[in-house]
C-alpha atoms as a PDB file:
ATOM      1  CA  UNK A   1       6.176 -17.641  -5.439  1.00  0.00           C
ATOM      2  CA  UNK A   2       5.667 -17.613  -8.808  1.00  0.00           C
ATOM      3  CA  UNK A   3       6.834 -13.900 -10.019  1.00  0.00           C
ATOM      4  CA  UNK A   4       3.945 -11.664  -9.743  1.00  0.00           C
ATOM      5  CA  UNK A   5       2.651  -9.364 -12.053  1.00  0.00           C
ATOM      6  CA  UNK A   6       2.200  -5.332 -10.400  1.00  0.00           C
ATOM      7  CA  UNK A   7       0.461  -2.380 -12.168  1.00  0.00           C
ATOM      8  CA  UNK A   8      -1.457   0.995 -11.919  1.00  0.00           C
ATOM      9  CA  UNK A   9      -4.718  -0.273 -10.468  1.00  0.00           C
ATOM     10  CA  UNK A  10      -8.574   0.281 -12.852  1.00  0.00           C
ATOM     11  CA  UNK A  11     -11.604   1.291 -11.548  1.00  0.00           C
ATOM     12  CA  UNK A  12     -12.862  -2.416 -11.982  1.00  0.00           C
ATOM     13  CA  UNK A  13      -9.992  -3.662  -9.265  1.00  0.00           C
ATOM     14  CA  UNK A  14     -11.747  -0.793  -6.328  1.00  0.00           C
ATOM     15  CA  UNK A  15     -14.221  -4.532  -4.810  1.00  0.00           C
ATOM     16  CA  UNK A  16     -10.897  -6.499  -4.600  1.00  0.00           C
ATOM     17  CA  UNK A  17      -8.566  -4.375  -3.218  1.00  0.00           C
ATOM     18  CA  UNK A  18     -11.518  -3.269  -0.746  1.00  0.00           C
ATOM     19  CA  UNK A  19     -11.775  -6.967  -0.373  1.00  0.00           C
ATOM     20  CA  UNK A  20      -8.071  -7.167   0.321  1.00  0.00           C
ATOM     21  CA  UNK A  21      -7.874  -3.931   3.580  1.00  0.00           C
ATOM     22  CA  UNK A  22     -10.717  -4.944   4.498  1.00  0.00           C
ATOM     23  CA  UNK A  23      -9.273  -8.613   4.954  1.00  0.00           C
ATOM     24  CA  UNK A  24      -8.397  -8.520   8.901  1.00  0.00           C
ATOM     25  CA  UNK A  25      -9.735  -7.706  12.930  1.00  0.00           C
ATOM     26  CA  UNK A  26      -8.578  -4.378  12.148  1.00  0.00           C
ATOM     27  CA  UNK A  27      -9.699  -3.889   8.548  1.00  0.00           C
ATOM     28  CA  UNK A  28     -12.173  -5.144   8.567  1.00  0.00           C
ATOM     29  CA  UNK A  29     -13.888  -2.317  11.305  1.00  0.00           C
ATOM     30  CA  UNK A  30     -12.708   0.464   9.876  1.00  0.00           C
ATOM     31  CA  UNK A  31     -14.146  -0.719   5.801  1.00  0.00           C
ATOM     32  CA  UNK A  32     -17.292  -0.754   4.302  1.00  0.00           C
ATOM     33  CA  UNK A  33     -17.651  -4.328   2.753  1.00  0.00           C
ATOM     34  CA  UNK A  34     -21.077  -5.326   1.732  1.00  0.00           C
ATOM     35  CA  UNK A  35     -23.018  -6.188  -2.249  1.00  0.00           C
ATOM     36  CA  UNK A  36     -22.504  -2.416  -3.429  1.00  0.00           C
ATOM     37  CA  UNK A  37     -19.426  -0.377  -3.679  1.00  0.00           C
ATOM     38  CA  UNK A  38     -19.632   2.046  -1.273  1.00  0.00           C
ATOM     39  CA  UNK A  39     -19.336   5.554  -3.490  1.00  0.00           C
ATOM     40  CA  UNK A  40     -15.872   6.571  -0.921  1.00  0.00           C
ATOM     41  CA  UNK A  41     -13.933   4.424  -2.980  1.00  0.00           C
ATOM     42  CA  UNK A  42     -14.763   5.568  -6.207  1.00  0.00           C
ATOM     43  CA  UNK A  43     -14.077   9.326  -5.508  1.00  0.00           C
ATOM     44  CA  UNK A  44     -11.071   8.668  -3.854  1.00  0.00           C
ATOM     45  CA  UNK A  45      -9.876   5.906  -6.370  1.00  0.00           C
ATOM     46  CA  UNK A  46     -11.293   9.059  -9.190  1.00  0.00           C
ATOM     47  CA  UNK A  47      -9.038  11.946  -6.988  1.00  0.00           C
ATOM     48  CA  UNK A  48      -5.936   9.531  -6.452  1.00  0.00           C
ATOM     49  CA  UNK A  49      -5.899   8.612 -10.409  1.00  0.00           C
ATOM     50  CA  UNK A  50      -6.084  12.303 -11.178  1.00  0.00           C
ATOM     51  CA  UNK A  51      -2.824  13.615  -8.818  1.00  0.00           C
ATOM     52  CA  UNK A  52      -0.056  12.111 -10.420  1.00  0.00           C
ATOM     53  CA  UNK A  53       2.378  12.192  -6.783  1.00  0.00           C
ATOM     54  CA  UNK A  54      -0.632   8.991  -5.597  1.00  0.00           C
ATOM     55  CA  UNK A  55      -0.513   5.912  -7.464  1.00  0.00           C
ATOM     56  CA  UNK A  56      -2.362   2.762  -6.163  1.00  0.00           C
ATOM     57  CA  UNK A  57      -1.432  -0.528  -7.037  1.00  0.00           C
ATOM     58  CA  UNK A  58      -2.585  -4.011  -7.425  1.00  0.00           C
ATOM     59  CA  UNK A  59      -0.252  -7.488  -7.192  1.00  0.00           C
ATOM     60  CA  UNK A  60      -1.987  -9.788  -9.930  1.00  0.00           C
ATOM     61  CA  UNK A  61      -1.067 -13.909  -9.671  1.00  0.00           C
ATOM     62  CA  UNK A  62      -2.733 -14.454 -13.402  1.00  0.00           C
ATOM     63  CA  UNK A  63      -6.103 -12.407 -13.277  1.00  0.00           C
ATOM     64  CA  UNK A  64      -6.413 -12.671  -9.693  1.00  0.00           C
ATOM     65  CA  UNK A  65      -5.747  -9.164  -7.594  1.00  0.00           C
ATOM     66  CA  UNK A  66      -3.835 -11.238  -4.735  1.00  0.00           C
ATOM     67  CA  UNK A  67      -1.962  -7.617  -3.378  1.00  0.00           C
ATOM     68  CA  UNK A  68      -2.444  -3.917  -3.075  1.00  0.00           C
ATOM     69  CA  UNK A  69      -1.136  -0.533  -1.958  1.00  0.00           C
ATOM     70  CA  UNK A  70      -0.493   3.469  -2.131  1.00  0.00           C
ATOM     71  CA  UNK A  71       2.538   5.269  -3.073  1.00  0.00           C
ATOM     72  CA  UNK A  72       2.349   8.943  -2.979  1.00  0.00           C
ATOM     73  CA  UNK A  73       5.574  10.982  -3.276  1.00  0.00           C
ATOM     74  CA  UNK A  74       5.997  13.967  -1.384  1.00  0.00           C
ATOM     75  CA  UNK A  75       7.804  16.890  -1.965  1.00  0.00           C
ATOM     76  CA  UNK A  76      10.150  18.494   0.327  1.00  0.00           C
ATOM     77  CA  UNK A  77      12.604  21.163   1.692  1.00  0.00           C
ATOM     78  CA  UNK A  78      13.464  19.522   4.437  1.00  0.00           C
ATOM     79  CA  UNK A  79      17.142  17.363   3.670  1.00  0.00           C
ATOM     80  CA  UNK A  80      18.214  19.736   1.404  1.00  0.00           C
ATOM     81  CA  UNK A  81      14.721  19.600  -1.100  1.00  0.00           C
ATOM     82  CA  UNK A  82      14.027  15.309  -0.906  1.00  0.00           C
ATOM     83  CA  UNK A  83      11.382  13.425  -2.228  1.00  0.00           C
ATOM     84  CA  UNK A  84       9.767  11.153  -0.377  1.00  0.00           C
ATOM     85  CA  UNK A  85       8.096   7.965  -0.605  1.00  0.00           C
ATOM     86  CA  UNK A  86       5.153   6.331   1.477  1.00  0.00           C
ATOM     87  CA  UNK A  87       3.510   3.667   1.257  1.00  0.00           C
ATOM     88  CA  UNK A  88       0.363   2.909   2.889  1.00  0.00           C
ATOM     89  CA  UNK A  89      -2.373   0.647   3.205  1.00  0.00           C
ATOM     90  CA  UNK A  90       0.112  -2.662   2.477  1.00  0.00           C
ATOM     91  CA  UNK A  91      -2.392  -5.210   1.920  1.00  0.00           C
ATOM     92  CA  UNK A  92      -1.046  -9.286   0.186  1.00  0.00           C
ATOM     93  CA  UNK A  93      -4.424 -11.501  -0.156  1.00  0.00           C
ATOM     94  CA  UNK A  94      -4.117 -13.845   3.211  1.00  0.00           C
ATOM     95  CA  UNK A  95      -2.875 -17.590   1.138  1.00  0.00           C
ATOM     96  CA  UNK A  96       0.038 -15.997  -0.573  1.00  0.00           C
ATOM     97  CA  UNK A  97       1.250 -14.059   3.086  1.00  0.00           C
ATOM     98  CA  UNK A  98       4.648 -15.872   4.124  1.00  0.00           C
ATOM     99  CA  UNK A  99       4.424 -16.632   0.412  1.00  0.00           C
ATOM    100  CA  UNK A 100       7.506 -14.198  -0.623  1.00  0.00           C
ATOM    101  CA  UNK A 101       4.595 -11.916  -2.771  1.00  0.00           C
ATOM    102  CA  UNK A 102       4.703  -9.799  -0.131  1.00  0.00           C
ATOM    103  CA  UNK A 103       8.208  -9.527  -0.779  1.00  0.00           C
ATOM    104  CA  UNK A 104       8.200  -9.267  -4.199  1.00  0.00           C
ATOM    105  CA  UNK A 105       5.211  -6.072  -3.796  1.00  0.00           C
ATOM    106  CA  UNK A 106       7.668  -3.687  -1.155  1.00  0.00           C
ATOM    107  CA  UNK A 107      10.644  -4.108  -3.967  1.00  0.00           C
ATOM    108  CA  UNK A 108       8.612  -3.102  -6.713  1.00  0.00           C
ATOM    109  CA  UNK A 109       6.759  -0.363  -4.548  1.00  0.00           C
ATOM    110  CA  UNK A 110      10.719   0.670  -3.446  1.00  0.00           C
ATOM    111  CA  UNK A 111      12.500   0.745  -7.296  1.00  0.00           C
ATOM    112  CA  UNK A 112       8.638   3.016  -8.137  1.00  0.00           C
ATOM    113  CA  UNK A 113      10.203   5.276  -5.734  1.00  0.00           C
ATOM    114  CA  UNK A 114      13.668   5.484  -6.602  1.00  0.00           C
ATOM    115  CA  UNK A 115      12.866   5.751 -10.243  1.00  0.00           C
ATOM    116  CA  UNK A 116      10.829   9.021  -9.132  1.00  0.00           C
ATOM    117  CA  UNK A 117      14.333  10.457  -7.148  1.00  0.00           C
ATOM    118  CA  UNK A 118      12.758   9.909  -3.861  1.00  0.00           C
ATOM    119  CA  UNK A 119      15.286   9.660  -0.646  1.00  0.00           C
ATOM    120  CA  UNK A 120      14.061   8.201   1.491  1.00  0.00           C
ATOM    121  CA  UNK A 121      10.661   6.078   1.996  1.00  0.00           C
ATOM    122  CA  UNK A 122       8.406   5.237   4.655  1.00  0.00           C
ATOM    123  CA  UNK A 123       5.348   3.930   5.847  1.00  0.00           C
ATOM    124  CA  UNK A 124       2.975   3.547   9.273  1.00  0.00           C
ATOM    125  CA  UNK A 125       2.136   0.057  10.331  1.00  0.00           C
ATOM    126  CA  UNK A 126      -0.635  -0.059  13.035  1.00  0.00           C
ATOM    127  CA  UNK A 127       1.448  -0.671  16.478  1.00  0.00           C
ATOM    128  CA  UNK A 128      -1.247  -4.057  16.922  1.00  0.00           C
ATOM    129  CA  UNK A 129       0.551  -5.374  13.545  1.00  0.00           C
ATOM    130  CA  UNK A 130       2.918  -7.343  14.813  1.00  0.00           C
ATOM    131  CA  UNK A 131       3.642  -9.809  12.500  1.00  0.00           C
ATOM    132  CA  UNK A 132       3.828  -6.483  10.012  1.00  0.00           C
ATOM    133  CA  UNK A 133       7.147  -5.158  12.311  1.00  0.00           C
ATOM    134  CA  UNK A 134       8.837  -8.137  11.327  1.00  0.00           C
ATOM    135  CA  UNK A 135       8.008  -8.798   7.998  1.00  0.00           C
ATOM    136  CA  UNK A 136       9.240  -4.331   7.549  1.00  0.00           C
ATOM    137  CA  UNK A 137      12.369  -4.804   9.651  1.00  0.00           C
ATOM    138  CA  UNK A 138      13.514  -7.842   7.323  1.00  0.00           C
ATOM    139  CA  UNK A 139      13.113  -5.699   4.617  1.00  0.00           C
ATOM    140  CA  UNK A 140      15.339  -2.727   6.473  1.00  0.00           C
ATOM    141  CA  UNK A 141      12.890  -0.443   7.222  1.00  0.00           C
ATOM    142  CA  UNK A 142      14.058   0.835  10.954  1.00  0.00           C
ATOM    143  CA  UNK A 143      10.941   1.747  13.294  1.00  0.00           C
ATOM    144  CA  UNK A 144      13.497   5.328  13.995  1.00  0.00           C
ATOM    145  CA  UNK A 145      10.037   7.989  14.077  1.00  0.00           C
ATOM    146  CA  UNK A 146       6.803   7.998  16.665  1.00  0.00           C
ATOM    147  CA  UNK A 147       4.049   8.682  14.366  1.00  0.00           C
ATOM    148  CA  UNK A 148       0.297  10.465  15.192  1.00  0.00           C
ATOM    149  CA  UNK A 149      -2.788  10.472  14.115  1.00  0.00           C
ATOM    150  CA  UNK A 150      -6.069  12.230  15.110  1.00  0.00           C
ATOM    151  CA  UNK A 151      -8.849  10.755  13.342  1.00  0.00           C
ATOM    152  CA  UNK A 152     -11.297  13.074  12.597  1.00  0.00           C
END
């Protein structure tokens, strides 16, 4: 695997990001795909871009967007005022899964969290994504907490 390039996503990357998010059984049910990009994605992108504690990034191989994730930097009172890095919406293009591209992307994200002074990095993953669970555990993540969500 050749080294990937990581950068903050641009508005022009949104179609590729949405395609990555929709590229599995779970994502197909969650994402709005079609010829026209849903305006909710554009609004979400603008909100992320305007918030200094949010970063939507892409992994690029040549000119192709091959991965994405969102980093949130969360201040907190717990753990002596520790900052947390929250990693969400992690996706790697299907042909690159198992190639080391995901490891590169997560290592980049962890370095970004360290640079921002985060004391802990957390993420959530759907219970049905067992391959992802093994991947995160190989990177040193521990399933130490139970997570709950409520769809509104």
